[in-house]
């Protein structure tokens, strides 16, 4: 199967891309605090600082390689997806 041939089936992401978010625990704590005390409450200041520290320390890795949905959809060669203006 050459690289330009249309794919007959969709492929799932390999396990290497299926990782947990680096700051998921901190974000969960912040959302739980907001739901308990309201978004504008001062009790969530510490949780918000923890999230910002985690994001700053993780460093922006950017998008995962091969995760661009538009590239994957153009490989399928579905006219309504690739050229949506023609099929409105």
PDB file of N, CA and C in Angstrom:
ATOM      1  N   UNK A   1       0.854  -1.180   0.000  1.00  0.00           N
ATOM      2  CA  UNK A   1       0.000   0.000   0.000  1.00  0.00           C
ATOM      3  C   UNK A   1       0.894   1.235   0.000  1.00  0.00           C
ATOM      4  N   UNK A   2       0.774   2.039  -1.027  1.00  0.00           N
ATOM      5  CA  UNK A   2       1.619   3.228  -1.112  1.00  0.00           C
ATOM      6  C   UNK A   2       1.082   4.338  -0.216  1.00  0.00           C
ATOM      7  N   UNK A   3       1.901   5.373  -0.038  1.00  0.00           N
ATOM      8  CA  UNK A   3       1.534   6.469   0.863  1.00  0.00           C
ATOM      9  C   UNK A   3       0.376   7.297   0.309  1.00  0.00           C
ATOM     10  N   UNK A   4       0.211   7.324  -1.016  1.00  0.00           N
ATOM     11  CA  UNK A   4      -0.841   8.150  -1.598  1.00  0.00           C
ATOM     12  C   UNK A   4      -2.163   7.400  -1.768  1.00  0.00           C
ATOM     13  N   UNK A   5      -2.170   6.100  -1.541  1.00  0.00           N
ATOM     14  CA  UNK A   5      -3.397   5.328  -1.693  1.00  0.00           C
ATOM     15  C   UNK A   5      -4.363   5.655  -0.560  1.00  0.00           C
ATOM     16  N   UNK A   6      -5.664   5.693  -0.861  1.00  0.00           N
ATOM     17  CA  UNK A   6      -6.625   5.986   0.211  1.00  0.00           C
ATOM     18  C   UNK A   6      -6.702   4.832   1.202  1.00  0.00           C
ATOM     19  N   UNK A   7      -6.922   5.165   2.433  1.00  0.00           N
ATOM     20  CA  UNK A   7      -7.042   4.148   3.473  1.00  0.00           C
ATOM     21  C   UNK A   7      -8.471   3.626   3.501  1.00  0.00           C
ATOM     22  N   UNK A   8      -8.600   2.330   3.715  1.00  0.00           N
ATOM     23  CA  UNK A   8      -9.921   1.722   3.754  1.00  0.00           C
ATOM     24  C   UNK A   8     -10.478   1.670   5.165  1.00  0.00           C
ATOM     25  N   UNK A   9      -9.664   1.963   6.148  1.00  0.00           N
ATOM     26  CA  UNK A   9     -10.095   1.899   7.532  1.00  0.00           C
ATOM     27  C   UNK A   9      -9.356   2.958   8.330  1.00  0.00           C
ATOM     28  N   UNK A  10      -9.899   3.295   9.468  1.00  0.00           N
ATOM     29  CA  UNK A  10      -9.264   4.268  10.346  1.00  0.00           C
ATOM     30  C   UNK A  10      -8.303   3.558  11.283  1.00  0.00           C
ATOM     31  N   UNK A  11      -7.198   4.222  11.583  1.00  0.00           N
ATOM     32  CA  UNK A  11      -6.254   3.666  12.534  1.00  0.00           C
ATOM     33  C   UNK A  11      -6.328   4.461  13.822  1.00  0.00           C
ATOM     34  N   UNK A  12      -6.226   3.775  14.935  1.00  0.00           N
ATOM     35  CA  UNK A  12      -6.202   4.438  16.225  1.00  0.00           C
ATOM     36  C   UNK A  12      -4.789   4.893  16.534  1.00  0.00           C
ATOM     37  N   UNK A  13      -4.673   5.827  17.458  1.00  0.00           N
ATOM     38  CA  UNK A  13      -3.354   6.287  17.860  1.00  0.00           C
ATOM     39  C   UNK A  13      -2.587   5.156  18.538  1.00  0.00           C
ATOM     40  N   UNK A  14      -1.296   5.083  18.300  1.00  0.00           N
ATOM     41  CA  UNK A  14      -0.511   4.075  19.015  1.00  0.00           C
ATOM     42  C   UNK A  14      -0.463   4.376  20.508  1.00  0.00           C
ATOM     43  N   UNK A  15      -0.100   3.396  21.291  1.00  0.00           N
ATOM     44  CA  UNK A  15      -0.093   3.549  22.740  1.00  0.00           C
ATOM     45  C   UNK A  15       0.866   4.637  23.207  1.00  0.00           C
ATOM     46  N   UNK A  16       1.860   4.986  22.410  1.00  0.00           N
ATOM     47  CA  UNK A  16       2.814   6.018  22.810  1.00  0.00           C
ATOM     48  C   UNK A  16       2.122   7.367  22.992  1.00  0.00           C
ATOM     49  N   UNK A  17       1.050   7.613  22.239  1.00  0.00           N
ATOM     50  CA  UNK A  17       0.357   8.886  22.328  1.00  0.00           C
ATOM     51  C   UNK A  17      -0.719   8.889  23.411  1.00  0.00           C
ATOM     52  N   UNK A  18      -1.083   7.726  23.915  1.00  0.00           N
ATOM     53  CA  UNK A  18      -2.129   7.639  24.922  1.00  0.00           C
ATOM     54  C   UNK A  18      -1.513   7.796  26.305  1.00  0.00           C
ATOM     55  N   UNK A  19      -1.262   9.028  26.686  1.00  0.00           N
ATOM     56  CA  UNK A  19      -0.663   9.326  27.976  1.00  0.00           C
ATOM     57  C   UNK A  19      -1.600  10.242  28.753  1.00  0.00           C
ATOM     58  N   UNK A  20      -1.436  10.230  30.059  1.00  0.00           N
ATOM     59  CA  UNK A  20      -2.247  11.130  30.866  1.00  0.00           C
ATOM     60  C   UNK A  20      -1.706  12.548  30.745  1.00  0.00           C
ATOM     61  N   UNK A  21      -2.559  13.496  30.953  1.00  0.00           N
ATOM     62  CA  UNK A  21      -2.145  14.895  30.914  1.00  0.00           C
ATOM     63  C   UNK A  21      -1.203  15.166  32.077  1.00  0.00           C
ATOM     64  N   UNK A  22      -0.155  15.958  31.867  1.00  0.00           N
ATOM     65  CA  UNK A  22       0.827  16.161  32.931  1.00  0.00           C
ATOM     66  C   UNK A  22       0.273  16.881  34.154  1.00  0.00           C
ATOM     67  N   UNK A  23      -0.720  17.713  34.006  1.00  0.00           N
ATOM     68  CA  UNK A  23      -1.252  18.490  35.133  1.00  0.00           C
ATOM     69  C   UNK A  23      -2.703  18.110  35.428  1.00  0.00           C
ATOM     70  N   UNK A  24      -3.074  16.880  35.148  1.00  0.00           N
ATOM     71  CA  UNK A  24      -4.469  16.463  35.317  1.00  0.00           C
ATOM     72  C   UNK A  24      -4.906  16.506  36.775  1.00  0.00           C
ATOM     73  N   UNK A  25      -4.050  16.102  37.690  1.00  0.00           N
ATOM     74  CA  UNK A  25      -4.430  16.090  39.111  1.00  0.00           C
ATOM     75  C   UNK A  25      -4.644  17.508  39.629  1.00  0.00           C
ATOM     76  N   UNK A  26      -3.774  18.426  39.228  1.00  0.00           N
ATOM     77  CA  UNK A  26      -3.904  19.813  39.670  1.00  0.00           C
ATOM     78  C   UNK A  26      -5.154  20.466  39.080  1.00  0.00           C
ATOM     79  N   UNK A  27      -5.427  20.177  37.800  1.00  0.00           N
ATOM     80  CA  UNK A  27      -6.623  20.736  37.171  1.00  0.00           C
ATOM     81  C   UNK A  27      -7.887  20.180  37.820  1.00  0.00           C
ATOM     82  N   UNK A  28      -7.877  18.899  38.154  1.00  0.00           N
ATOM     83  CA  UNK A  28      -9.032  18.295  38.812  1.00  0.00           C
ATOM     84  C   UNK A  28      -9.283  18.938  40.166  1.00  0.00           C
ATOM     85  N   UNK A  29      -8.206  19.186  40.909  1.00  0.00           N
ATOM     86  CA  UNK A  29      -8.358  19.833  42.213  1.00  0.00           C
ATOM     87  C   UNK A  29      -8.924  21.241  42.060  1.00  0.00           C
ATOM     88  N   UNK A  30      -8.476  21.964  41.039  1.00  0.00           N
ATOM     89  CA  UNK A  30      -8.983  23.315  40.803  1.00  0.00           C
ATOM     90  C   UNK A  30     -10.461  23.289  40.415  1.00  0.00           C
ATOM     91  N   UNK A  31     -10.845  22.383  39.531  1.00  0.00           N
ATOM     92  CA  UNK A  31     -12.251  22.301  39.123  1.00  0.00           C
ATOM     93  C   UNK A  31     -13.146  21.893  40.287  1.00  0.00           C
ATOM     94  N   UNK A  32     -12.670  20.975  41.118  1.00  0.00           N
ATOM     95  CA  UNK A  32     -13.456  20.578  42.292  1.00  0.00           C
ATOM     96  C   UNK A  32     -13.620  21.741  43.265  1.00  0.00           C
ATOM     97  N   UNK A  33     -12.570  22.528  43.429  1.00  0.00           N
ATOM     98  CA  UNK A  33     -12.644  23.696  44.308  1.00  0.00           C
ATOM     99  C   UNK A  33     -13.643  24.711  43.756  1.00  0.00           C
ATOM    100  N   UNK A  34     -13.585  24.939  42.447  1.00  0.00           N
ATOM    101  CA  UNK A  34     -14.518  25.877  41.829  1.00  0.00           C
ATOM    102  C   UNK A  34     -15.964  25.403  41.981  1.00  0.00           C
ATOM    103  N   UNK A  35     -16.189  24.104  41.812  1.00  0.00           N
ATOM    104  CA  UNK A  35     -17.567  23.616  41.918  1.00  0.00           C
ATOM    105  C   UNK A  35     -18.074  23.691  43.356  1.00  0.00           C
ATOM    106  N   UNK A  36     -17.169  23.600  44.322  1.00  0.00           N
ATOM    107  CA  UNK A  36     -17.585  23.647  45.722  1.00  0.00           C
ATOM    108  C   UNK A  36     -17.792  25.070  46.223  1.00  0.00           C
ATOM    109  N   UNK A  37     -16.927  25.999  45.791  1.00  0.00           N
ATOM    110  CA  UNK A  37     -16.987  27.342  46.367  1.00  0.00           C
ATOM    111  C   UNK A  37     -17.289  28.445  45.363  1.00  0.00           C
ATOM    112  N   UNK A  38     -17.469  28.126  44.114  1.00  0.00           N
ATOM    113  CA  UNK A  38     -17.723  29.153  43.111  1.00  0.00           C
ATOM    114  C   UNK A  38     -16.428  29.604  42.460  1.00  0.00           C
ATOM    115  N   UNK A  39     -16.526  30.099  41.259  1.00  0.00           N
ATOM    116  CA  UNK A  39     -15.338  30.458  40.486  1.00  0.00           C
ATOM    117  C   UNK A  39     -14.628  31.668  41.073  1.00  0.00           C
ATOM    118  N   UNK A  40     -15.357  32.611  41.597  1.00  0.00           N
ATOM    119  CA  UNK A  40     -14.737  33.837  42.076  1.00  0.00           C
ATOM    120  C   UNK A  40     -14.333  33.770  43.542  1.00  0.00           C
ATOM    121  N   UNK A  41     -14.329  32.591  44.110  1.00  0.00           N
ATOM    122  CA  UNK A  41     -13.981  32.457  45.520  1.00  0.00           C
ATOM    123  C   UNK A  41     -12.480  32.488  45.749  1.00  0.00           C
ATOM    124  N   UNK A  42     -12.066  33.068  46.864  1.00  0.00           N
ATOM    125  CA  UNK A  42     -10.651  33.140  47.222  1.00  0.00           C
ATOM    126  C   UNK A  42     -10.073  31.811  47.706  1.00  0.00           C
ATOM    127  N   UNK A  43     -10.879  30.855  48.155  1.00  0.00           N
ATOM    128  CA  UNK A  43     -10.301  29.596  48.634  1.00  0.00           C
ATOM    129  C   UNK A  43      -9.575  28.795  47.554  1.00  0.00           C
ATOM    130  N   UNK A  44      -9.817  29.090  46.307  1.00  0.00           N
ATOM    131  CA  UNK A  44      -9.212  28.321  45.215  1.00  0.00           C
ATOM    132  C   UNK A  44      -7.893  28.915  44.736  1.00  0.00           C
ATOM    133  N   UNK A  45      -7.393  29.918  45.426  1.00  0.00           N
ATOM    134  CA  UNK A  45      -6.171  30.577  44.983  1.00  0.00           C
ATOM    135  C   UNK A  45      -4.984  29.615  44.998  1.00  0.00           C
ATOM    136  N   UNK A  46      -4.893  28.799  46.031  1.00  0.00           N
ATOM    137  CA  UNK A  46      -3.769  27.860  46.131  1.00  0.00           C
ATOM    138  C   UNK A  46      -3.824  26.811  45.016  1.00  0.00           C
ATOM    139  N   UNK A  47      -5.022  26.323  44.716  1.00  0.00           N
ATOM    140  CA  UNK A  47      -5.174  25.342  43.640  1.00  0.00           C
ATOM    141  C   UNK A  47      -4.822  25.954  42.288  1.00  0.00           C
ATOM    142  N   UNK A  48      -5.198  27.222  42.086  1.00  0.00           N
ATOM    143  CA  UNK A  48      -4.867  27.902  40.837  1.00  0.00           C
ATOM    144  C   UNK A  48      -3.362  28.100  40.708  1.00  0.00           C
ATOM    145  N   UNK A  49      -2.695  28.419  41.812  1.00  0.00           N
ATOM    146  CA  UNK A  49      -1.239  28.563  41.778  1.00  0.00           C
ATOM    147  C   UNK A  49      -0.563  27.228  41.472  1.00  0.00           C
ATOM    148  N   UNK A  50      -1.102  26.140  42.013  1.00  0.00           N
ATOM    149  CA  UNK A  50      -0.541  24.821  41.728  1.00  0.00           C
ATOM    150  C   UNK A  50      -0.653  24.471  40.248  1.00  0.00           C
ATOM    151  N   UNK A  51      -1.779  24.823  39.641  1.00  0.00           N
ATOM    152  CA  UNK A  51      -1.960  24.561  38.212  1.00  0.00           C
ATOM    153  C   UNK A  51      -0.978  25.386  37.394  1.00  0.00           C
ATOM    154  N   UNK A  52      -0.833  26.660  37.721  1.00  0.00           N
ATOM    155  CA  UNK A  52       0.074  27.503  36.945  1.00  0.00           C
ATOM    156  C   UNK A  52       1.525  27.060  37.113  1.00  0.00           C
ATOM    157  N   UNK A  53       1.908  26.610  38.312  1.00  0.00           N
ATOM    158  CA  UNK A  53       3.267  26.094  38.515  1.00  0.00           C
ATOM    159  C   UNK A  53       3.497  24.820  37.711  1.00  0.00           C
ATOM    160  N   UNK A  54       2.506  23.962  37.690  1.00  0.00           N
ATOM    161  CA  UNK A  54       2.632  22.708  36.953  1.00  0.00           C
ATOM    162  C   UNK A  54       2.775  22.962  35.455  1.00  0.00           C
ATOM    163  N   UNK A  55       1.974  23.876  34.929  1.00  0.00           N
ATOM    164  CA  UNK A  55       2.042  24.186  33.503  1.00  0.00           C
ATOM    165  C   UNK A  55       3.385  24.816  33.157  1.00  0.00           C
ATOM    166  N   UNK A  56       3.878  25.698  34.022  1.00  0.00           N
ATOM    167  CA  UNK A  56       5.164  26.344  33.767  1.00  0.00           C
ATOM    168  C   UNK A  56       6.312  25.341  33.839  1.00  0.00           C
ATOM    169  N   UNK A  57       6.222  24.380  34.748  1.00  0.00           N
ATOM    170  CA  UNK A  57       7.318  23.428  34.899  1.00  0.00           C
ATOM    171  C   UNK A  57       7.292  22.329  33.846  1.00  0.00           C
ATOM    172  N   UNK A  58       6.119  22.038  33.271  1.00  0.00           N
ATOM    173  CA  UNK A  58       6.038  20.956  32.294  1.00  0.00           C
ATOM    174  C   UNK A  58       6.641  21.357  30.958  1.00  0.00           C
ATOM    175  N   UNK A  59       6.654  22.635  30.654  1.00  0.00           N
ATOM    176  CA  UNK A  59       7.212  23.090  29.382  1.00  0.00           C
ATOM    177  C   UNK A  59       6.294  22.707  28.236  1.00  0.00           C
ATOM    178  N   UNK A  60       6.021  23.628  27.359  1.00  0.00           N
ATOM    179  CA  UNK A  60       5.124  23.352  26.247  1.00  0.00           C
ATOM    180  C   UNK A  60       5.759  22.412  25.251  1.00  0.00           C
ATOM    181  N   UNK A  61       5.212  21.228  25.121  1.00  0.00           N
ATOM    182  CA  UNK A  61       5.734  20.259  24.170  1.00  0.00           C
ATOM    183  C   UNK A  61       5.137  20.470  22.789  1.00  0.00           C
ATOM    184  N   UNK A  62       4.056  21.209  22.696  1.00  0.00           N
ATOM    185  CA  UNK A  62       3.388  21.394  21.423  1.00  0.00           C
ATOM    186  C   UNK A  62       2.470  20.225  21.123  1.00  0.00           C
ATOM    187  N   UNK A  63       1.985  20.185  19.927  1.00  0.00           N
ATOM    188  CA  UNK A  63       1.066  19.124  19.536  1.00  0.00           C
ATOM    189  C   UNK A  63       1.819  17.814  19.355  1.00  0.00           C
ATOM    190  N   UNK A  64       1.152  16.726  19.639  1.00  0.00           N
ATOM    191  CA  UNK A  64       1.759  15.417  19.452  1.00  0.00           C
ATOM    192  C   UNK A  64       1.927  15.143  17.962  1.00  0.00           C
ATOM    193  N   UNK A  65       2.989  14.471  17.614  1.00  0.00           N
ATOM    194  CA  UNK A  65       3.271  14.186  16.217  1.00  0.00           C
ATOM    195  C   UNK A  65       2.200  13.247  15.663  1.00  0.00           C
ATOM    196  N   UNK A  66       1.624  13.605  14.540  1.00  0.00           N
ATOM    197  CA  UNK A  66       0.596  12.777  13.932  1.00  0.00           C
ATOM    198  C   UNK A  66      -0.784  12.983  14.516  1.00  0.00           C
ATOM    199  N   UNK A  67      -0.971  14.004  15.324  1.00  0.00           N
ATOM    200  CA  UNK A  67      -2.260  14.195  15.971  1.00  0.00           C
ATOM    201  C   UNK A  67      -3.148  15.184  15.225  1.00  0.00           C
ATOM    202  N   UNK A  68      -2.735  15.640  14.076  1.00  0.00           N
ATOM    203  CA  UNK A  68      -3.506  16.624  13.344  1.00  0.00           C
ATOM    204  C   UNK A  68      -4.691  15.945  12.667  1.00  0.00           C
ATOM    205  N   UNK A  69      -5.875  16.252  13.133  1.00  0.00           N
ATOM    206  CA  UNK A  69      -7.086  15.606  12.636  1.00  0.00           C
ATOM    207  C   UNK A  69      -7.345  15.941  11.176  1.00  0.00           C
ATOM    208  N   UNK A  70      -7.035  17.158  10.757  1.00  0.00           N
ATOM    209  CA  UNK A  70      -7.285  17.537   9.371  1.00  0.00           C
ATOM    210  C   UNK A  70      -6.457  16.706   8.404  1.00  0.00           C
ATOM    211  N   UNK A  71      -5.215  16.413   8.760  1.00  0.00           N
ATOM    212  CA  UNK A  71      -4.387  15.576   7.897  1.00  0.00           C
ATOM    213  C   UNK A  71      -4.972  14.181   7.776  1.00  0.00           C
ATOM    214  N   UNK A  72      -5.471  13.650   8.881  1.00  0.00           N
ATOM    215  CA  UNK A  72      -6.042  12.310   8.846  1.00  0.00           C
ATOM    216  C   UNK A  72      -7.330  12.285   8.022  1.00  0.00           C
ATOM    217  N   UNK A  73      -8.142  13.340   8.121  1.00  0.00           N
ATOM    218  CA  UNK A  73      -9.390  13.372   7.363  1.00  0.00           C
ATOM    219  C   UNK A  73      -9.148  13.511   5.867  1.00  0.00           C
ATOM    220  N   UNK A  74      -8.113  14.244   5.466  1.00  0.00           N
ATOM    221  CA  UNK A  74      -7.843  14.367   4.036  1.00  0.00           C
ATOM    222  C   UNK A  74      -7.358  13.054   3.450  1.00  0.00           C
ATOM    223  N   UNK A  75      -6.774  12.195   4.246  1.00  0.00           N
ATOM    224  CA  UNK A  75      -6.360  10.884   3.758  1.00  0.00           C
ATOM    225  C   UNK A  75      -7.555   9.997   3.425  1.00  0.00           C
ATOM    226  N   UNK A  76      -8.678  10.227   4.076  1.00  0.00           N
ATOM    227  CA  UNK A  76      -9.852   9.392   3.854  1.00  0.00           C
ATOM    228  C   UNK A  76     -10.498   9.632   2.501  1.00  0.00           C
ATOM    229  N   UNK A  77     -10.257  10.775   1.900  1.00  0.00           N
ATOM    230  CA  UNK A  77     -10.821  11.172   0.618  1.00  0.00           C
ATOM    231  C   UNK A  77     -12.346  11.118   0.623  1.00  0.00           C
ATOM    232  N   UNK A  78     -12.937  11.771   1.611  1.00  0.00           N
ATOM    233  CA  UNK A  78     -14.386  11.918   1.685  1.00  0.00           C
ATOM    234  C   UNK A  78     -14.704  13.316   1.169  1.00  0.00           C
ATOM    235  N   UNK A  79     -15.447  13.442   0.078  1.00  0.00           N
ATOM    236  CA  UNK A  79     -15.658  14.763  -0.525  1.00  0.00           C
ATOM    237  C   UNK A  79     -16.293  15.781   0.408  1.00  0.00           C
ATOM    238  N   UNK A  80     -17.263  15.385   1.208  1.00  0.00           N
ATOM    239  CA  UNK A  80     -17.944  16.341   2.077  1.00  0.00           C
ATOM    240  C   UNK A  80     -17.031  16.842   3.183  1.00  0.00           C
ATOM    241  N   UNK A  81     -16.011  16.088   3.531  1.00  0.00           N
ATOM    242  CA  UNK A  81     -15.073  16.506   4.568  1.00  0.00           C
ATOM    243  C   UNK A  81     -13.949  17.330   3.971  1.00  0.00           C
ATOM    244  N   UNK A  82     -13.420  16.894   2.835  1.00  0.00           N
ATOM    245  CA  UNK A  82     -12.280  17.573   2.236  1.00  0.00           C
ATOM    246  C   UNK A  82     -12.656  18.888   1.566  1.00  0.00           C
ATOM    247  N   UNK A  83     -13.851  18.968   1.025  1.00  0.00           N
ATOM    248  CA  UNK A  83     -14.313  20.185   0.356  1.00  0.00           C
ATOM    249  C   UNK A  83     -15.706  20.536   0.870  1.00  0.00           C
ATOM    250  N   UNK A  84     -15.823  21.025   2.111  1.00  0.00           N
ATOM    251  CA  UNK A  84     -17.153  21.238   2.697  1.00  0.00           C
ATOM    252  C   UNK A  84     -17.960  22.327   2.015  1.00  0.00           C
ATOM    253  N   UNK A  85     -17.314  23.277   1.363  1.00  0.00           N
ATOM    254  CA  UNK A  85     -18.067  24.362   0.734  1.00  0.00           C
ATOM    255  C   UNK A  85     -18.850  23.877  -0.477  1.00  0.00           C
ATOM    256  N   UNK A  86     -18.389  22.826  -1.104  1.00  0.00           N
ATOM    257  CA  UNK A  86     -19.090  22.294  -2.268  1.00  0.00           C
ATOM    258  C   UNK A  86     -20.361  21.548  -1.881  1.00  0.00           C
ATOM    259  N   UNK A  87     -20.435  21.076  -0.643  1.00  0.00           N
ATOM    260  CA  UNK A  87     -21.527  20.195  -0.247  1.00  0.00           C
ATOM    261  C   UNK A  87     -22.420  20.807   0.816  1.00  0.00           C
ATOM    262  N   UNK A  88     -22.610  22.084   0.800  1.00  0.00           N
ATOM    263  CA  UNK A  88     -23.494  22.729   1.779  1.00  0.00           C
ATOM    264  C   UNK A  88     -24.919  22.662   1.350  1.00  0.00           C
TER     265      UNK A  88
END
